[in-house]
Every structure is written in C-alpha cells, then in structure tokens.
Amino acid sequence: MDGKPRVLVVDDEELSQDFLRFFLSQRFEVYTVGTVNAFYNIIAKLDFDIILMDISLRDAKDGIQLTKELKASKKFENTAIFIITAYNTTKEMKMASDAGADNFLTKPIDMKVLMKLIDKALTEKKVA
C-alpha cells in the first residue's frame, strides 16, 4: 500500500463522519459511508487498514452483523475493526467482542485514545 494508511468510517450520522474525517485526515486516507449498500460498494473496491464501525446504522444490518461478516472473510479477517457506539453496556461490549471487533469505544470519542489504538493496531499489523 502506498502513502497513508486507509481508514473506513461506517456511521449513519453525518456529523460523526465529518468529525472523524476532520481529525483523521491529516494522518490517514479517510473514507466514510452511512449505509450498508455504500459499505458493501466500497469494501468491494478498496482494502482498509482500520474500520471504525458504528453499531446503530438504521439499515437492514447493524455494525455487529457487518463486523461478523468482515471477520469471517479472508480479505478482511486481519483488518482491525473498532466498534464505536453511544451504547456503553456489557451487552454491546460482549456482542462486539463475539463478532471479532478489535476495540470498543464509546461516543463521544476521546481522539487521543483513538489515535493511540489506531497506532497500536497499525504497528501490530506491520509486525504480523
């Protein structure tokens, strides 16, 4: 891969997409999608180093289902997926973990924490 690492933000809230794009675009090539169809279209075309996945997508599927699908595929099984959600319960954390998510973050996101987790995931990917 050339240049900056690629990050995909999957969130149906445009404000969340804009916020993450703003903070991440200095260091990463950032793509955002707000629907399940847009998600499938972009992952068919591009590989990503990190995927930031909201649980609630108000669509046919949620972020937990999409995470399960990604982790079950050869193409994305080693891609770091961070669940980002407003829900902060043990139930959501367990569902995210069971789906194969690499990290679980609650909104509002602490950008310093997110950057450290992304850096750690990218370092581990290079070592692997």
C-alpha atoms as a PDB file:
ATOM      1  CA  MET A   1       0.000   0.000   0.000  1.00  0.00           C
ATOM      2  CA  ASP A   2       1.273   3.451  -0.919  1.00  0.00           C
ATOM      3  CA  GLY A   3       1.086   6.551   1.214  1.00  0.00           C
ATOM      4  CA  LYS A   4      -1.188   6.970   4.163  1.00  0.00           C
ATOM      5  CA  PRO A   5      -2.979   4.074   5.879  1.00  0.00           C
ATOM      6  CA  ARG A   6      -6.630   3.771   4.833  1.00  0.00           C
ATOM      7  CA  VAL A   7      -9.442   4.190   7.358  1.00  0.00           C
ATOM      8  CA  LEU A   8     -13.113   3.485   6.685  1.00  0.00           C
ATOM      9  CA  VAL A   9     -15.722   5.155   8.899  1.00  0.00           C
ATOM     10  CA  VAL A  10     -19.111   3.391   8.872  1.00  0.00           C
ATOM     11  CA  ASP A  11     -21.644   5.632  10.624  1.00  0.00           C
ATOM     12  CA  ASP A  12     -25.106   6.788   9.600  1.00  0.00           C
ATOM     13  CA  GLU A  13     -24.658  10.134  11.379  1.00  0.00           C
ATOM     14  CA  GLU A  14     -23.077  12.671   9.033  1.00  0.00           C
ATOM     15  CA  LEU A  15     -21.835  14.738  11.965  1.00  0.00           C
ATOM     16  CA  SER A  16     -19.895  11.733  13.291  1.00  0.00           C
ATOM     17  CA  GLN A  17     -18.487  11.059   9.821  1.00  0.00           C
ATOM     18  CA  ASP A  18     -17.390  14.690   9.451  1.00  0.00           C
ATOM     19  CA  PHE A  19     -15.865  14.795  12.931  1.00  0.00           C
ATOM     20  CA  LEU A  20     -13.804  11.637  12.367  1.00  0.00           C
ATOM     21  CA  ARG A  21     -12.787  12.653   8.847  1.00  0.00           C
ATOM     22  CA  PHE A  22     -11.611  16.041  10.139  1.00  0.00           C
ATOM     23  CA  PHE A  23      -9.430  14.575  12.894  1.00  0.00           C
ATOM     24  CA  LEU A  24      -8.099  11.569  11.000  1.00  0.00           C
ATOM     25  CA  SER A  25      -7.468  13.046   7.540  1.00  0.00           C
ATOM     26  CA  GLN A  26      -4.139  14.625   8.475  1.00  0.00           C
ATOM     27  CA  ARG A  27      -2.589  11.203   9.034  1.00  0.00           C
ATOM     28  CA  PHE A  28      -4.864   8.814   7.163  1.00  0.00           C
ATOM     29  CA  GLU A  29      -6.697   8.395   3.888  1.00  0.00           C
ATOM     30  CA  VAL A  30     -10.267   8.528   5.238  1.00  0.00           C
ATOM     31  CA  TYR A  31     -13.412   7.192   3.576  1.00  0.00           C
ATOM     32  CA  THR A  32     -16.882   7.482   5.085  1.00  0.00           C
ATOM     33  CA  VAL A  33     -20.140   5.656   4.399  1.00  0.00           C
ATOM     34  CA  GLY A  34     -23.544   5.922   6.027  1.00  0.00           C
ATOM     35  CA  THR A  35     -25.462   2.970   4.592  1.00  0.00           C
ATOM     36  CA  VAL A  36     -24.978  -0.758   4.326  1.00  0.00           C
ATOM     37  CA  ASN A  37     -25.133  -0.578   0.499  1.00  0.00           C
ATOM     38  CA  ALA A  38     -22.415   2.078   0.413  1.00  0.00           C
ATOM     39  CA  PHE A  39     -20.367  -0.075   2.807  1.00  0.00           C
ATOM     40  CA  TYR A  40     -20.563  -3.118   0.512  1.00  0.00           C
ATOM     41  CA  ASN A  41     -19.731  -0.996  -2.535  1.00  0.00           C
ATOM     42  CA  ILE A  42     -16.581   0.488  -1.030  1.00  0.00           C
ATOM     43  CA  ILE A  43     -15.184  -2.704   0.521  1.00  0.00           C
ATOM     44  CA  ALA A  44     -15.591  -4.437  -2.836  1.00  0.00           C
ATOM     45  CA  LYS A  45     -13.264  -1.837  -4.370  1.00  0.00           C
ATOM     46  CA  LEU A  46     -10.746  -0.970  -1.634  1.00  0.00           C
ATOM     47  CA  ASP A  47      -8.779  -2.544   1.190  1.00  0.00           C
ATOM     48  CA  PHE A  48      -8.634  -0.799   4.550  1.00  0.00           C
ATOM     49  CA  ASP A  49      -6.153  -0.866   7.425  1.00  0.00           C
ATOM     50  CA  ILE A  50      -8.715   0.191  10.048  1.00  0.00           C
ATOM     51  CA  ILE A  51     -12.508   0.188  10.033  1.00  0.00           C
ATOM     52  CA  LEU A  52     -14.402   2.338  12.540  1.00  0.00           C
ATOM     53  CA  MET A  53     -17.856   0.752  12.766  1.00  0.00           C
ATOM     54  CA  ASP A  54     -20.900   2.223  14.484  1.00  0.00           C
ATOM     55  CA  ILE A  55     -23.339  -0.352  15.890  1.00  0.00           C
ATOM     56  CA  SER A  56     -26.534   1.530  15.015  1.00  0.00           C
ATOM     57  CA  LEU A  57     -26.863   2.046  11.291  1.00  0.00           C
ATOM     58  CA  ARG A  58     -30.663   2.307  10.946  1.00  0.00           C
ATOM     59  CA  ASP A  59     -30.414  -0.039   7.987  1.00  0.00           C
ATOM     60  CA  ALA A  60     -31.049  -3.689   7.113  1.00  0.00           C
ATOM     61  CA  LYS A  61     -27.987  -4.692   9.139  1.00  0.00           C
ATOM     62  CA  ASP A  62     -26.113  -3.218  12.078  1.00  0.00           C
ATOM     63  CA  GLY A  63     -22.412  -2.783  12.739  1.00  0.00           C
ATOM     64  CA  ILE A  64     -22.197  -6.017  14.727  1.00  0.00           C
ATOM     65  CA  GLN A  65     -23.508  -8.038  11.774  1.00  0.00           C
ATOM     66  CA  LEU A  66     -21.135  -6.285   9.366  1.00  0.00           C
ATOM     67  CA  THR A  67     -18.201  -6.901  11.710  1.00  0.00           C
ATOM     68  CA  LYS A  68     -19.041 -10.625  11.849  1.00  0.00           C
ATOM     69  CA  GLU A  69     -19.162 -10.759   8.061  1.00  0.00           C
ATOM     70  CA  LEU A  70     -15.827  -8.973   7.703  1.00  0.00           C
ATOM     71  CA  LYS A  71     -14.046 -11.134  10.253  1.00  0.00           C
ATOM     72  CA  ALA A  72     -15.414 -14.276   8.529  1.00  0.00           C
ATOM     73  CA  SER A  73     -13.956 -13.219   5.165  1.00  0.00           C
ATOM     74  CA  LYS A  74     -10.394 -13.950   4.079  1.00  0.00           C
ATOM     75  CA  LYS A  75      -9.983 -10.424   2.695  1.00  0.00           C
ATOM     76  CA  PHE A  76     -10.770  -8.662   5.983  1.00  0.00           C
ATOM     77  CA  GLU A  77     -10.083 -11.226   8.716  1.00  0.00           C
ATOM     78  CA  ASN A  78      -6.910  -9.368   9.747  1.00  0.00           C
ATOM     79  CA  THR A  79      -8.293  -5.849   9.350  1.00  0.00           C
ATOM     80  CA  ALA A  80      -8.616  -4.004  12.657  1.00  0.00           C
ATOM     81  CA  ILE A  81     -12.250  -3.160  13.367  1.00  0.00           C
ATOM     82  CA  PHE A  82     -13.130  -0.720  16.127  1.00  0.00           C
ATOM     83  CA  ILE A  83     -16.724  -0.587  17.269  1.00  0.00           C
ATOM     84  CA  ILE A  84     -17.743   2.993  18.003  1.00  0.00           C
ATOM     85  CA  THR A  85     -21.099   3.469  19.674  1.00  0.00           C
ATOM     86  CA  ALA A  86     -23.193   5.550  22.004  1.00  0.00           C
ATOM     87  CA  TYR A  87     -24.160   2.324  23.799  1.00  0.00           C
ATOM     88  CA  ASN A  88     -21.923   1.544  26.738  1.00  0.00           C
ATOM     89  CA  THR A  89     -23.313  -1.634  28.223  1.00  0.00           C
ATOM     90  CA  THR A  90     -21.815  -5.017  28.891  1.00  0.00           C
ATOM     91  CA  LYS A  91     -24.246  -6.482  26.346  1.00  0.00           C
ATOM     92  CA  GLU A  92     -22.915  -4.337  23.483  1.00  0.00           C
ATOM     93  CA  MET A  93     -19.304  -4.925  24.534  1.00  0.00           C
ATOM     94  CA  LYS A  94     -19.865  -8.692  24.537  1.00  0.00           C
ATOM     95  CA  MET A  95     -21.644  -8.609  21.169  1.00  0.00           C
ATOM     96  CA  ALA A  96     -18.770  -6.592  19.693  1.00  0.00           C
ATOM     97  CA  SER A  97     -16.182  -8.955  21.128  1.00  0.00           C
ATOM     98  CA  ASP A  98     -18.093 -12.027  19.937  1.00  0.00           C
ATOM     99  CA  ALA A  99     -18.289 -10.500  16.447  1.00  0.00           C
ATOM    100  CA  GLY A 100     -14.489 -10.177  16.386  1.00  0.00           C
ATOM    101  CA  ALA A 101     -14.096  -6.445  16.990  1.00  0.00           C
ATOM    102  CA  ASP A 102     -10.590  -5.417  17.977  1.00  0.00           C
ATOM    103  CA  ASN A 103     -11.638  -2.457  20.137  1.00  0.00           C
ATOM    104  CA  PHE A 104     -14.778  -0.954  21.643  1.00  0.00           C
ATOM    105  CA  LEU A 105     -15.068   2.819  22.030  1.00  0.00           C
ATOM    106  CA  THR A 106     -17.990   4.878  23.244  1.00  0.00           C
ATOM    107  CA  LYS A 107     -19.136   8.234  21.944  1.00  0.00           C
ATOM    108  CA  PRO A 108     -18.101  10.916  22.457  1.00  0.00           C
ATOM    109  CA  ILE A 109     -14.751   9.599  21.333  1.00  0.00           C
ATOM    110  CA  ASP A 110     -11.543  10.648  23.045  1.00  0.00           C
ATOM    111  CA  MET A 111      -9.398  11.320  19.966  1.00  0.00           C
ATOM    112  CA  LYS A 112      -6.122  10.816  21.855  1.00  0.00           C
ATOM    113  CA  VAL A 113      -7.264   7.335  22.882  1.00  0.00           C
ATOM    114  CA  LEU A 114      -8.474   6.566  19.354  1.00  0.00           C
ATOM    115  CA  MET A 115      -5.160   7.657  17.825  1.00  0.00           C
ATOM    116  CA  LYS A 116      -3.188   5.505  20.272  1.00  0.00           C
ATOM    117  CA  LEU A 117      -5.358   2.477  19.475  1.00  0.00           C
ATOM    118  CA  ILE A 118      -5.026   3.045  15.722  1.00  0.00           C
ATOM    119  CA  ASP A 119      -1.238   3.403  16.028  1.00  0.00           C
ATOM    120  CA  LYS A 120      -1.078   0.192  18.073  1.00  0.00           C
ATOM    121  CA  ALA A 121      -3.210  -1.712  15.550  1.00  0.00           C
ATOM    122  CA  LEU A 122      -1.099  -0.486  12.617  1.00  0.00           C
ATOM    123  CA  THR A 123       2.136  -1.408  14.419  1.00  0.00           C
ATOM    124  CA  GLU A 124       0.811  -4.898  15.165  1.00  0.00           C
ATOM    125  CA  LYS A 125      -0.272  -5.298  11.528  1.00  0.00           C
ATOM    126  CA  LYS A 126       3.243  -4.448  10.304  1.00  0.00           C
ATOM    127  CA  VAL A 127       4.810  -6.933  12.716  1.00  0.00           C
ATOM    128  CA  ALA A 128       2.410  -9.744  11.760  1.00  0.00           C
END
